[in-house]
Structure formats: C-alpha cells, structure tokens
Amino acid sequence: HSNLTRALAHRLGRPKDEVEPAVHDVL
C-alpha cells in the first residue's frame, strides 16, 4: 500500500496523503 502510494504520488507530482485514497485493492 505504501509502495503504491509513493509511486503514484511521484508520477503525479502530488502529496502522498492526497493520492493515497486512490490506491485500491489489487490483483
């Protein structure tokens, strides 16, 4: 969950706490 949050924040250039809700259940 944290790995995906960091990766998404880095890709979008947005804070981690802002993008964390977009991280979701996985395959």
mmCIF file of all heavy atoms, coordinates in Angstrom:
data_MODEL
# 
_entry.id   MODEL 
# 
loop_
_atom_site.group_PDB 
_atom_site.id 
_atom_site.type_symbol 
_atom_site.label_atom_id 
_atom_site.label_alt_id 
_atom_site.label_comp_id 
_atom_site.label_asym_id 
_atom_site.label_entity_id 
_atom_site.label_seq_id 
_atom_site.pdbx_PDB_ins_code 
_atom_site.Cartn_x 
_atom_site.Cartn_y 
_atom_site.Cartn_z 
_atom_site.occupancy 
_atom_site.B_iso_or_equiv 
_atom_site.pdbx_formal_charge 
_atom_site.auth_seq_id 
_atom_site.auth_comp_id 
_atom_site.auth_asym_id 
_atom_site.auth_atom_id 
_atom_site.pdbx_PDB_model_num 
ATOM 1   N N   . HIS A 1 1  ? 0.830   -1.203  0.000   1.00 0.00 ? 1  HIS A N   1 
ATOM 2   C CA  . HIS A 1 1  ? 0.000   0.000   0.000   1.00 0.00 ? 1  HIS A CA  1 
ATOM 3   C C   . HIS A 1 1  ? 0.869   1.258   0.000   1.00 0.00 ? 1  HIS A C   1 
ATOM 4   O O   . HIS A 1 1  ? 0.630   2.193   -0.771  1.00 0.00 ? 1  HIS A O   1 
ATOM 5   C CB  . HIS A 1 1  ? -0.925  -0.004  1.216   1.00 0.00 ? 1  HIS A CB  1 
ATOM 6   C CG  . HIS A 1 1  ? -1.760  1.231   1.343   1.00 0.00 ? 1  HIS A CG  1 
ATOM 7   N ND1 . HIS A 1 1  ? -2.982  1.371   0.714   1.00 0.00 ? 1  HIS A ND1 1 
ATOM 8   C CD2 . HIS A 1 1  ? -1.553  2.395   2.008   1.00 0.00 ? 1  HIS A CD2 1 
ATOM 9   C CE1 . HIS A 1 1  ? -3.490  2.564   1.001   1.00 0.00 ? 1  HIS A CE1 1 
ATOM 10  N NE2 . HIS A 1 1  ? -2.634  3.202   1.781   1.00 0.00 ? 1  HIS A NE2 1 
ATOM 11  N N   . SER A 1 2  ? 1.888   1.277   0.853   1.00 0.00 ? 2  SER A N   1 
ATOM 12  C CA  . SER A 1 2  ? 2.777   2.441   0.910   1.00 0.00 ? 2  SER A CA  1 
ATOM 13  C C   . SER A 1 2  ? 3.605   2.566   -0.361  1.00 0.00 ? 2  SER A C   1 
ATOM 14  O O   . SER A 1 2  ? 3.826   3.679   -0.868  1.00 0.00 ? 2  SER A O   1 
ATOM 15  C CB  . SER A 1 2  ? 3.703   2.327   2.136   1.00 0.00 ? 2  SER A CB  1 
ATOM 16  O OG  . SER A 1 2  ? 2.956   2.357   3.325   1.00 0.00 ? 2  SER A OG  1 
ATOM 17  N N   . ASN A 1 3  ? 4.075   1.421   -0.879  1.00 0.00 ? 3  ASN A N   1 
ATOM 18  C CA  . ASN A 1 3  ? 4.846   1.461   -2.126  1.00 0.00 ? 3  ASN A CA  1 
ATOM 19  C C   . ASN A 1 3  ? 4.024   2.075   -3.254  1.00 0.00 ? 3  ASN A C   1 
ATOM 20  O O   . ASN A 1 3  ? 4.512   2.915   -4.024  1.00 0.00 ? 3  ASN A O   1 
ATOM 21  C CB  . ASN A 1 3  ? 5.266   0.045   -2.523  1.00 0.00 ? 3  ASN A CB  1 
ATOM 22  C CG  . ASN A 1 3  ? 6.214   -0.592  -1.530  1.00 0.00 ? 3  ASN A CG  1 
ATOM 23  O OD1 . ASN A 1 3  ? 6.771   0.069   -0.650  1.00 0.00 ? 3  ASN A OD1 1 
ATOM 24  N ND2 . ASN A 1 3  ? 6.400   -1.900  -1.661  1.00 0.00 ? 3  ASN A ND2 1 
ATOM 25  N N   . LEU A 1 4  ? 2.768   1.619   -3.387  1.00 0.00 ? 4  LEU A N   1 
ATOM 26  C CA  . LEU A 1 4  ? 1.894   2.127   -4.447  1.00 0.00 ? 4  LEU A CA  1 
ATOM 27  C C   . LEU A 1 4  ? 1.579   3.604   -4.236  1.00 0.00 ? 4  LEU A C   1 
ATOM 28  O O   . LEU A 1 4  ? 1.505   4.381   -5.200  1.00 0.00 ? 4  LEU A O   1 
ATOM 29  C CB  . LEU A 1 4  ? 0.605   1.308   -4.494  1.00 0.00 ? 4  LEU A CB  1 
ATOM 30  C CG  . LEU A 1 4  ? 0.776   -0.164  -4.910  1.00 0.00 ? 4  LEU A CG  1 
ATOM 31  C CD1 . LEU A 1 4  ? -0.487  -0.953  -4.605  1.00 0.00 ? 4  LEU A CD1 1 
ATOM 32  C CD2 . LEU A 1 4  ? 1.134   -0.286  -6.385  1.00 0.00 ? 4  LEU A CD2 1 
ATOM 33  N N   . THR A 1 5  ? 1.403   3.997   -2.983  1.00 0.00 ? 5  THR A N   1 
ATOM 34  C CA  . THR A 1 5  ? 1.131   5.408   -2.674  1.00 0.00 ? 5  THR A CA  1 
ATOM 35  C C   . THR A 1 5  ? 2.301   6.287   -3.087  1.00 0.00 ? 5  THR A C   1 
ATOM 36  O O   . THR A 1 5  ? 2.122   7.342   -3.729  1.00 0.00 ? 5  THR A O   1 
ATOM 37  C CB  . THR A 1 5  ? 0.837   5.578   -1.180  1.00 0.00 ? 5  THR A CB  1 
ATOM 38  O OG1 . THR A 1 5  ? -0.345  4.833   -0.833  1.00 0.00 ? 5  THR A OG1 1 
ATOM 39  C CG2 . THR A 1 5  ? 0.616   7.037   -0.819  1.00 0.00 ? 5  THR A CG2 1 
ATOM 40  N N   . ARG A 1 6  ? 3.517   5.870   -2.729  1.00 0.00 ? 6  ARG A N   1 
ATOM 41  C CA  . ARG A 1 6  ? 4.698   6.653   -3.108  1.00 0.00 ? 6  ARG A CA  1 
ATOM 42  C C   . ARG A 1 6  ? 4.837   6.739   -4.626  1.00 0.00 ? 6  ARG A C   1 
ATOM 43  O O   . ARG A 1 6  ? 5.134   7.816   -5.183  1.00 0.00 ? 6  ARG A O   1 
ATOM 44  C CB  . ARG A 1 6  ? 5.967   6.035   -2.523  1.00 0.00 ? 6  ARG A CB  1 
ATOM 45  C CG  . ARG A 1 6  ? 6.115   6.145   -1.020  1.00 0.00 ? 6  ARG A CG  1 
ATOM 46  C CD  . ARG A 1 6  ? 7.547   5.818   -0.575  1.00 0.00 ? 6  ARG A CD  1 
ATOM 47  N NE  . ARG A 1 6  ? 8.039   4.576   -1.139  1.00 0.00 ? 6  ARG A NE  1 
ATOM 48  C CZ  . ARG A 1 6  ? 7.832   3.368   -0.588  1.00 0.00 ? 6  ARG A CZ  1 
ATOM 49  N NH1 . ARG A 1 6  ? 7.137   3.262   0.533   1.00 0.00 ? 6  ARG A NH1 1 
ATOM 50  N NH2 . ARG A 1 6  ? 8.340   2.286   -1.147  1.00 0.00 ? 6  ARG A NH2 1 
ATOM 51  N N   . ALA A 1 7  ? 4.642   5.613   -5.302  1.00 0.00 ? 7  ALA A N   1 
ATOM 52  C CA  . ALA A 1 7  ? 4.807   5.601   -6.760  1.00 0.00 ? 7  ALA A CA  1 
ATOM 53  C C   . ALA A 1 7  ? 3.796   6.511   -7.439  1.00 0.00 ? 7  ALA A C   1 
ATOM 54  O O   . ALA A 1 7  ? 4.139   7.247   -8.372  1.00 0.00 ? 7  ALA A O   1 
ATOM 55  C CB  . ALA A 1 7  ? 4.664   4.168   -7.283  1.00 0.00 ? 7  ALA A CB  1 
ATOM 56  N N   . LEU A 1 8  ? 2.545   6.474   -6.983  1.00 0.00 ? 8  LEU A N   1 
ATOM 57  C CA  . LEU A 1 8  ? 1.516   7.310   -7.597  1.00 0.00 ? 8  LEU A CA  1 
ATOM 58  C C   . LEU A 1 8  ? 1.779   8.783   -7.311  1.00 0.00 ? 8  LEU A C   1 
ATOM 59  O O   . LEU A 1 8  ? 1.636   9.632   -8.201  1.00 0.00 ? 8  LEU A O   1 
ATOM 60  C CB  . LEU A 1 8  ? 0.141   6.898   -7.074  1.00 0.00 ? 8  LEU A CB  1 
ATOM 61  C CG  . LEU A 1 8  ? -1.058  7.598   -7.724  1.00 0.00 ? 8  LEU A CG  1 
ATOM 62  C CD1 . LEU A 1 8  ? -1.116  7.322   -9.220  1.00 0.00 ? 8  LEU A CD1 1 
ATOM 63  C CD2 . LEU A 1 8  ? -2.357  7.161   -7.041  1.00 0.00 ? 8  LEU A CD2 1 
ATOM 64  N N   . ALA A 1 9  ? 2.180   9.099   -6.087  1.00 0.00 ? 9  ALA A N   1 
ATOM 65  C CA  . ALA A 1 9  ? 2.487   10.488  -5.744  1.00 0.00 ? 9  ALA A CA  1 
ATOM 66  C C   . ALA A 1 9  ? 3.630   11.021  -6.599  1.00 0.00 ? 9  ALA A C   1 
ATOM 67  O O   . ALA A 1 9  ? 3.589   12.155  -7.097  1.00 0.00 ? 9  ALA A O   1 
ATOM 68  C CB  . ALA A 1 9  ? 2.838   10.585  -4.258  1.00 0.00 ? 9  ALA A CB  1 
ATOM 69  N N   . HIS A 1 10 ? 4.644   10.192  -6.795  1.00 0.00 ? 10 HIS A N   1 
ATOM 70  C CA  . HIS A 1 10 ? 5.785   10.606  -7.611  1.00 0.00 ? 10 HIS A CA  1 
ATOM 71  C C   . HIS A 1 10 ? 5.374   10.811  -9.060  1.00 0.00 ? 10 HIS A C   1 
ATOM 72  O O   . HIS A 1 10 ? 5.761   11.799  -9.697  1.00 0.00 ? 10 HIS A O   1 
ATOM 73  C CB  . HIS A 1 10 ? 6.897   9.564   -7.505  1.00 0.00 ? 10 HIS A CB  1 
ATOM 74  C CG  . HIS A 1 10 ? 8.141   9.936   -8.243  1.00 0.00 ? 10 HIS A CG  1 
ATOM 75  N ND1 . HIS A 1 10 ? 8.387   9.553   -9.549  1.00 0.00 ? 10 HIS A ND1 1 
ATOM 76  C CD2 . HIS A 1 10 ? 9.221   10.669  -7.855  1.00 0.00 ? 10 HIS A CD2 1 
ATOM 77  C CE1 . HIS A 1 10 ? 9.557   10.024  -9.938  1.00 0.00 ? 10 HIS A CE1 1 
ATOM 78  N NE2 . HIS A 1 10 ? 10.093  10.698  -8.935  1.00 0.00 ? 10 HIS A NE2 1 
ATOM 79  N N   . ARG A 1 11 ? 4.564   9.893   -9.600  1.00 0.00 ? 11 ARG A N   1 
ATOM 80  C CA  . ARG A 1 11 ? 4.166   10.004  -11.000 1.00 0.00 ? 11 ARG A CA  1 
ATOM 81  C C   . ARG A 1 11 ? 3.313   11.254  -11.228 1.00 0.00 ? 11 ARG A C   1 
ATOM 82  O O   . ARG A 1 11 ? 3.467   11.945  -12.248 1.00 0.00 ? 11 ARG A O   1 
ATOM 83  C CB  . ARG A 1 11 ? 3.398   8.755   -11.425 1.00 0.00 ? 11 ARG A CB  1 
ATOM 84  C CG  . ARG A 1 11 ? 2.739   8.840   -12.814 1.00 0.00 ? 11 ARG A CG  1 
ATOM 85  C CD  . ARG A 1 11 ? 3.748   9.163   -13.935 1.00 0.00 ? 11 ARG A CD  1 
ATOM 86  N NE  . ARG A 1 11 ? 4.703   8.121   -14.136 1.00 0.00 ? 11 ARG A NE  1 
ATOM 87  C CZ  . ARG A 1 11 ? 4.610   7.181   -15.081 1.00 0.00 ? 11 ARG A CZ  1 
ATOM 88  N NH1 . ARG A 1 11 ? 3.588   7.193   -15.917 1.00 0.00 ? 11 ARG A NH1 1 
ATOM 89  N NH2 . ARG A 1 11 ? 5.548   6.274   -15.211 1.00 0.00 ? 11 ARG A NH2 1 
ATOM 90  N N   . LEU A 1 12 ? 2.424   11.557  -10.303 1.00 0.00 ? 12 LEU A N   1 
ATOM 91  C CA  . LEU A 1 12 ? 1.502   12.683  -10.487 1.00 0.00 ? 12 LEU A CA  1 
ATOM 92  C C   . LEU A 1 12 ? 2.045   14.003  -9.951  1.00 0.00 ? 12 LEU A C   1 
ATOM 93  O O   . LEU A 1 12 ? 1.453   15.056  -10.198 1.00 0.00 ? 12 LEU A O   1 
ATOM 94  C CB  . LEU A 1 12 ? 0.167   12.377  -9.803  1.00 0.00 ? 12 LEU A CB  1 
ATOM 95  C CG  . LEU A 1 12 ? -0.592  11.147  -10.314 1.00 0.00 ? 12 LEU A CG  1 
ATOM 96  C CD1 . LEU A 1 12 ? -1.881  10.965  -9.532  1.00 0.00 ? 12 LEU A CD1 1 
ATOM 97  C CD2 . LEU A 1 12 ? -0.872  11.269  -11.810 1.00 0.00 ? 12 LEU A CD2 1 
ATOM 98  N N   . GLY A 1 13 ? 3.154   13.944  -9.192  1.00 0.00 ? 13 GLY A N   1 
ATOM 99  C CA  . GLY A 1 13 ? 3.690   15.155  -8.600  1.00 0.00 ? 13 GLY A CA  1 
ATOM 100 C C   . GLY A 1 13 ? 2.765   15.742  -7.555  1.00 0.00 ? 13 GLY A C   1 
ATOM 101 O O   . GLY A 1 13 ? 2.660   16.967  -7.418  1.00 0.00 ? 13 GLY A O   1 
ATOM 102 N N   . ARG A 1 14 ? 2.109   14.864  -6.793  1.00 0.00 ? 14 ARG A N   1 
ATOM 103 C CA  . ARG A 1 14 ? 1.163   15.301  -5.769  1.00 0.00 ? 14 ARG A CA  1 
ATOM 104 C C   . ARG A 1 14 ? 1.553   14.699  -4.424  1.00 0.00 ? 14 ARG A C   1 
ATOM 105 O O   . ARG A 1 14 ? 2.255   13.692  -4.359  1.00 0.00 ? 14 ARG A O   1 
ATOM 106 C CB  . ARG A 1 14 ? -0.268  14.892  -6.161  1.00 0.00 ? 14 ARG A CB  1 
ATOM 107 C CG  . ARG A 1 14 ? -0.787  15.662  -7.364  1.00 0.00 ? 14 ARG A CG  1 
ATOM 108 C CD  . ARG A 1 14 ? -1.961  14.975  -8.039  1.00 0.00 ? 14 ARG A CD  1 
ATOM 109 N NE  . ARG A 1 14 ? -3.089  14.747  -7.153  1.00 0.00 ? 14 ARG A NE  1 
ATOM 110 C CZ  . ARG A 1 14 ? -4.206  14.123  -7.536  1.00 0.00 ? 14 ARG A CZ  1 
ATOM 111 N NH1 . ARG A 1 14 ? -4.324  13.669  -8.781  1.00 0.00 ? 14 ARG A NH1 1 
ATOM 112 N NH2 . ARG A 1 14 ? -5.197  13.959  -6.685  1.00 0.00 ? 14 ARG A NH2 1 
ATOM 113 N N   . PRO A 1 15 ? 1.102   15.307  -3.313  1.00 0.00 ? 15 PRO A N   1 
ATOM 114 C CA  . PRO A 1 15 ? 1.467   14.781  -1.983  1.00 0.00 ? 15 PRO A CA  1 
ATOM 115 C C   . PRO A 1 15 ? 0.915   13.372  -1.764  1.00 0.00 ? 15 PRO A C   1 
ATOM 116 O O   . PRO A 1 15 ? -0.144  13.011  -2.291  1.00 0.00 ? 15 PRO A O   1 
ATOM 117 C CB  . PRO A 1 15 ? 0.802   15.781  -1.019  1.00 0.00 ? 15 PRO A CB  1 
ATOM 118 C CG  . PRO A 1 15 ? 0.576   17.017  -1.825  1.00 0.00 ? 15 PRO A CG  1 
ATOM 119 C CD  . PRO A 1 15 ? 0.320   16.566  -3.222  1.00 0.00 ? 15 PRO A CD  1 
ATOM 120 N N   . LYS A 1 16 ? 1.628   12.596  -0.958  1.00 0.00 ? 16 LYS A N   1 
ATOM 121 C CA  . LYS A 1 16 ? 1.216   11.211  -0.708  1.00 0.00 ? 16 LYS A CA  1 
ATOM 122 C C   . LYS A 1 16 ? -0.166  11.128  -0.067  1.00 0.00 ? 16 LYS A C   1 
ATOM 123 O O   . LYS A 1 16 ? -0.976  10.282  -0.439  1.00 0.00 ? 16 LYS A O   1 
ATOM 124 C CB  . LYS A 1 16 ? 2.257   10.506  0.179   1.00 0.00 ? 16 LYS A CB  1 
ATOM 125 C CG  . LYS A 1 16 ? 3.610   10.280  -0.485  1.00 0.00 ? 16 LYS A CG  1 
ATOM 126 C CD  . LYS A 1 16 ? 4.494   9.375   0.335   1.00 0.00 ? 16 LYS A CD  1 
ATOM 127 C CE  . LYS A 1 16 ? 4.971   10.016  1.629   1.00 0.00 ? 16 LYS A CE  1 
ATOM 128 N NZ  . LYS A 1 16 ? 5.914   11.141  1.385   1.00 0.00 ? 16 LYS A NZ  1 
ATOM 129 N N   . ASP A 1 17 ? -0.444  12.024  0.909   1.00 0.00 ? 17 ASP A N   1 
ATOM 130 C CA  . ASP A 1 17 ? -1.741  11.928  1.577   1.00 0.00 ? 17 ASP A CA  1 
ATOM 131 C C   . ASP A 1 17 ? -2.891  12.314  0.654   1.00 0.00 ? 17 ASP A C   1 
ATOM 132 O O   . ASP A 1 17 ? -4.037  11.914  0.880   1.00 0.00 ? 17 ASP A O   1 
ATOM 133 C CB  . ASP A 1 17 ? -1.765  12.773  2.853   1.00 0.00 ? 17 ASP A CB  1 
ATOM 134 C CG  . ASP A 1 17 ? -1.492  14.248  2.612   1.00 0.00 ? 17 ASP A CG  1 
ATOM 135 O OD1 . ASP A 1 17 ? -1.124  14.625  1.474   1.00 0.00 ? 17 ASP A OD1 1 
ATOM 136 O OD2 . ASP A 1 17 ? -1.648  15.037  3.560   1.00 0.00 ? 17 ASP A OD2 1 
ATOM 137 N N   . GLU A 1 18 ? -2.591  13.031  -0.411  1.00 0.00 ? 18 GLU A N   1 
ATOM 138 C CA  . GLU A 1 18 ? -3.619  13.417  -1.369  1.00 0.00 ? 18 GLU A CA  1 
ATOM 139 C C   . GLU A 1 18 ? -3.965  12.282  -2.326  1.00 0.00 ? 18 GLU A C   1 
ATOM 140 O O   . GLU A 1 18 ? -5.130  12.097  -2.704  1.00 0.00 ? 18 GLU A O   1 
ATOM 141 C CB  . GLU A 1 18 ? -3.145  14.640  -2.162  1.00 0.00 ? 18 GLU A CB  1 
ATOM 142 C CG  . GLU A 1 18 ? -4.161  15.212  -3.122  1.00 0.00 ? 18 GLU A CG  1 
ATOM 143 C CD  . GLU A 1 18 ? -3.627  16.438  -3.840  1.00 0.00 ? 18 GLU A CD  1 
ATOM 144 O OE1 . GLU A 1 18 ? -3.167  17.363  -3.133  1.00 0.00 ? 18 GLU A OE1 1 
ATOM 145 O OE2 . GLU A 1 18 ? -3.647  16.474  -5.097  1.00 0.00 ? 18 GLU A OE2 1 
ATOM 146 N N   . VAL A 1 19 ? -2.968  11.491  -2.708  1.00 0.00 ? 19 VAL A N   1 
ATOM 147 C CA  . VAL A 1 19 ? -3.225  10.418  -3.671  1.00 0.00 ? 19 VAL A CA  1 
ATOM 148 C C   . VAL A 1 19 ? -3.541  9.085   -3.000  1.00 0.00 ? 19 VAL A C   1 
ATOM 149 O O   . VAL A 1 19 ? -4.073  8.181   -3.650  1.00 0.00 ? 19 VAL A O   1 
ATOM 150 C CB  . VAL A 1 19 ? -2.032  10.231  -4.637  1.00 0.00 ? 19 VAL A CB  1 
ATOM 151 C CG1 . VAL A 1 19 ? -1.702  11.532  -5.345  1.00 0.00 ? 19 VAL A CG1 1 
ATOM 152 C CG2 . VAL A 1 19 ? -0.806  9.663   -3.935  1.00 0.00 ? 19 VAL A CG2 1 
ATOM 153 N N   . GLU A 1 20 ? -3.241  8.959   -1.707  1.00 0.00 ? 20 GLU A N   1 
ATOM 154 C CA  . GLU A 1 20 ? -3.428  7.665   -1.035  1.00 0.00 ? 20 GLU A CA  1 
ATOM 155 C C   . GLU A 1 20 ? -4.839  7.091   -1.199  1.00 0.00 ? 20 GLU A C   1 
ATOM 156 O O   . GLU A 1 20 ? -4.984  5.873   -1.404  1.00 0.00 ? 20 GLU A O   1 
ATOM 157 C CB  . GLU A 1 20 ? -3.075  7.774   0.448   1.00 0.00 ? 20 GLU A CB  1 
ATOM 158 C CG  . GLU A 1 20 ? -3.176  6.458   1.178   1.00 0.00 ? 20 GLU A CG  1 
ATOM 159 C CD  . GLU A 1 20 ? -2.826  6.561   2.650   1.00 0.00 ? 20 GLU A CD  1 
ATOM 160 O OE1 . GLU A 1 20 ? -2.657  7.700   3.156   1.00 0.00 ? 20 GLU A OE1 1 
ATOM 161 O OE2 . GLU A 1 20 ? -2.726  5.500   3.295   1.00 0.00 ? 20 GLU A OE2 1 
ATOM 162 N N   . PRO A 1 21 ? -5.916  7.903   -1.137  1.00 0.00 ? 21 PRO A N   1 
ATOM 163 C CA  . PRO A 1 21 ? -7.250  7.315   -1.303  1.00 0.00 ? 21 PRO A CA  1 
ATOM 164 C C   . PRO A 1 21 ? -7.483  6.659   -2.659  1.00 0.00 ? 21 PRO A C   1 
ATOM 165 O O   . PRO A 1 21 ? -8.421  5.862   -2.804  1.00 0.00 ? 21 PRO A O   1 
ATOM 166 C CB  . PRO A 1 21 ? -8.186  8.520   -1.098  1.00 0.00 ? 21 PRO A CB  1 
ATOM 167 C CG  . PRO A 1 21 ? -7.414  9.466   -0.237  1.00 0.00 ? 21 PRO A CG  1 
ATOM 168 C CD  . PRO A 1 21 ? -6.002  9.327   -0.713  1.00 0.00 ? 21 PRO A CD  1 
ATOM 169 N N   . ALA A 1 22 ? -6.663  6.983   -3.653  1.00 0.00 ? 22 ALA A N   1 
ATOM 170 C CA  . ALA A 1 22 ? -6.826  6.371   -4.977  1.00 0.00 ? 22 ALA A CA  1 
ATOM 171 C C   . ALA A 1 22 ? -6.213  4.975   -5.044  1.00 0.00 ? 22 ALA A C   1 
ATOM 172 O O   . ALA A 1 22 ? -6.507  4.215   -5.969  1.00 0.00 ? 22 ALA A O   1 
ATOM 173 C CB  . ALA A 1 22 ? -6.204  7.257   -6.053  1.00 0.00 ? 22 ALA A CB  1 
ATOM 174 N N   . VAL A 1 23 ? -5.352  4.622   -4.079  1.00 0.00 ? 23 VAL A N   1 
ATOM 175 C CA  . VAL A 1 23 ? -4.762  3.281   -4.042  1.00 0.00 ? 23 VAL A CA  1 
ATOM 176 C C   . VAL A 1 23 ? -5.838  2.306   -3.587  1.00 0.00 ? 23 VAL A C   1 
ATOM 177 O O   . VAL A 1 23 ? -6.585  2.571   -2.646  1.00 0.00 ? 23 VAL A O   1 
ATOM 178 C CB  . VAL A 1 23 ? -3.536  3.253   -3.107  1.00 0.00 ? 23 VAL A CB  1 
ATOM 179 C CG1 . VAL A 1 23 ? -3.005  1.839   -2.943  1.00 0.00 ? 23 VAL A CG1 1 
ATOM 180 C CG2 . VAL A 1 23 ? -2.447  4.170   -3.662  1.00 0.00 ? 23 VAL A CG2 1 
ATOM 181 N N   . HIS A 1 24 ? -5.920  1.161   -4.239  1.00 0.00 ? 24 HIS A N   1 
ATOM 182 C CA  . HIS A 1 24 ? -7.072  0.290   -4.072  1.00 0.00 ? 24 HIS A CA  1 
ATOM 183 C C   . HIS A 1 24 ? -6.673  -1.182  -4.012  1.00 0.00 ? 24 HIS A C   1 
ATOM 184 O O   . HIS A 1 24 ? -5.499  -1.523  -4.217  1.00 0.00 ? 24 HIS A O   1 
ATOM 185 C CB  . HIS A 1 24 ? -8.071  0.525   -5.210  1.00 0.00 ? 24 HIS A CB  1 
ATOM 186 C CG  . HIS A 1 24 ? -7.457  0.455   -6.573  1.00 0.00 ? 24 HIS A CG  1 
ATOM 187 N ND1 . HIS A 1 24 ? -6.791  1.528   -7.151  1.00 0.00 ? 24 HIS A ND1 1 
ATOM 188 C CD2 . HIS A 1 24 ? -7.388  -0.539  -7.480  1.00 0.00 ? 24 HIS A CD2 1 
ATOM 189 C CE1 . HIS A 1 24 ? -6.351  1.182   -8.342  1.00 0.00 ? 24 HIS A CE1 1 
ATOM 190 N NE2 . HIS A 1 24 ? -6.698  -0.072  -8.573  1.00 0.00 ? 24 HIS A NE2 1 
ATOM 191 N N   . ASP A 1 25 ? -7.655  -2.033  -3.741  1.00 0.00 ? 25 ASP A N   1 
ATOM 192 C CA  . ASP A 1 25 ? -7.409  -3.469  -3.690  1.00 0.00 ? 25 ASP A CA  1 
ATOM 193 C C   . ASP A 1 25 ? -6.853  -3.949  -5.024  1.00 0.00 ? 25 ASP A C   1 
ATOM 194 O O   . ASP A 1 25 ? -7.233  -3.459  -6.088  1.00 0.00 ? 25 ASP A O   1 
ATOM 195 C CB  . ASP A 1 25 ? -8.684  -4.225  -3.342  1.00 0.00 ? 25 ASP A CB  1 
ATOM 196 C CG  . ASP A 1 25 ? -9.062  -4.065  -1.880  1.00 0.00 ? 25 ASP A CG  1 
ATOM 197 O OD1 . ASP A 1 25 ? -8.269  -3.494  -1.118  1.00 0.00 ? 25 ASP A OD1 1 
ATOM 198 O OD2 . ASP A 1 25 ? -10.170 -4.513  -1.508  1.00 0.00 ? 25 ASP A OD2 1 
ATOM 199 N N   . VAL A 1 26 ? -6.006  -4.940  -4.972  1.00 0.00 ? 26 VAL A N   1 
ATOM 200 C CA  . VAL A 1 26 ? -5.078  -5.257  -6.053  1.00 0.00 ? 26 VAL A CA  1 
ATOM 201 C C   . VAL A 1 26 ? -5.415  -6.574  -6.741  1.00 0.00 ? 26 VAL A C   1 
ATOM 202 O O   . VAL A 1 26 ? -6.205  -7.384  -6.256  1.00 0.00 ? 26 VAL A O   1 
ATOM 203 C CB  . VAL A 1 26 ? -3.638  -5.339  -5.502  1.00 0.00 ? 26 VAL A CB  1 
ATOM 204 C CG1 . VAL A 1 26 ? -3.210  -4.016  -4.903  1.00 0.00 ? 26 VAL A CG1 1 
ATOM 205 C CG2 . VAL A 1 26 ? -3.508  -6.472  -4.478  1.00 0.00 ? 26 VAL A CG2 1 
ATOM 206 N N   . LEU A 1 27 ? -4.770  -6.776  -7.879  1.00 0.00 ? 27 LEU A N   1 
ATOM 207 C CA  . LEU A 1 27 ? -4.558  -8.106  -8.427  1.00 0.00 ? 27 LEU A CA  1 
ATOM 208 C C   . LEU A 1 27 ? -3.208  -8.573  -7.915  1.00 0.00 ? 27 LEU A C   1 
ATOM 209 O O   . LEU A 1 27 ? -2.182  -7.926  -8.160  1.00 0.00 ? 27 LEU A O   1 
ATOM 210 C CB  . LEU A 1 27 ? -4.581  -8.090  -9.951  1.00 0.00 ? 27 LEU A CB  1 
ATOM 211 C CG  . LEU A 1 27 ? -4.066  -9.370  -10.651 1.00 0.00 ? 27 LEU A CG  1 
ATOM 212 C CD1 . LEU A 1 27 ? -4.880  -10.591 -10.245 1.00 0.00 ? 27 LEU A CD1 1 
ATOM 213 C CD2 . LEU A 1 27 ? -4.068  -9.203  -12.166 1.00 0.00 ? 27 LEU A CD2 1 
# 
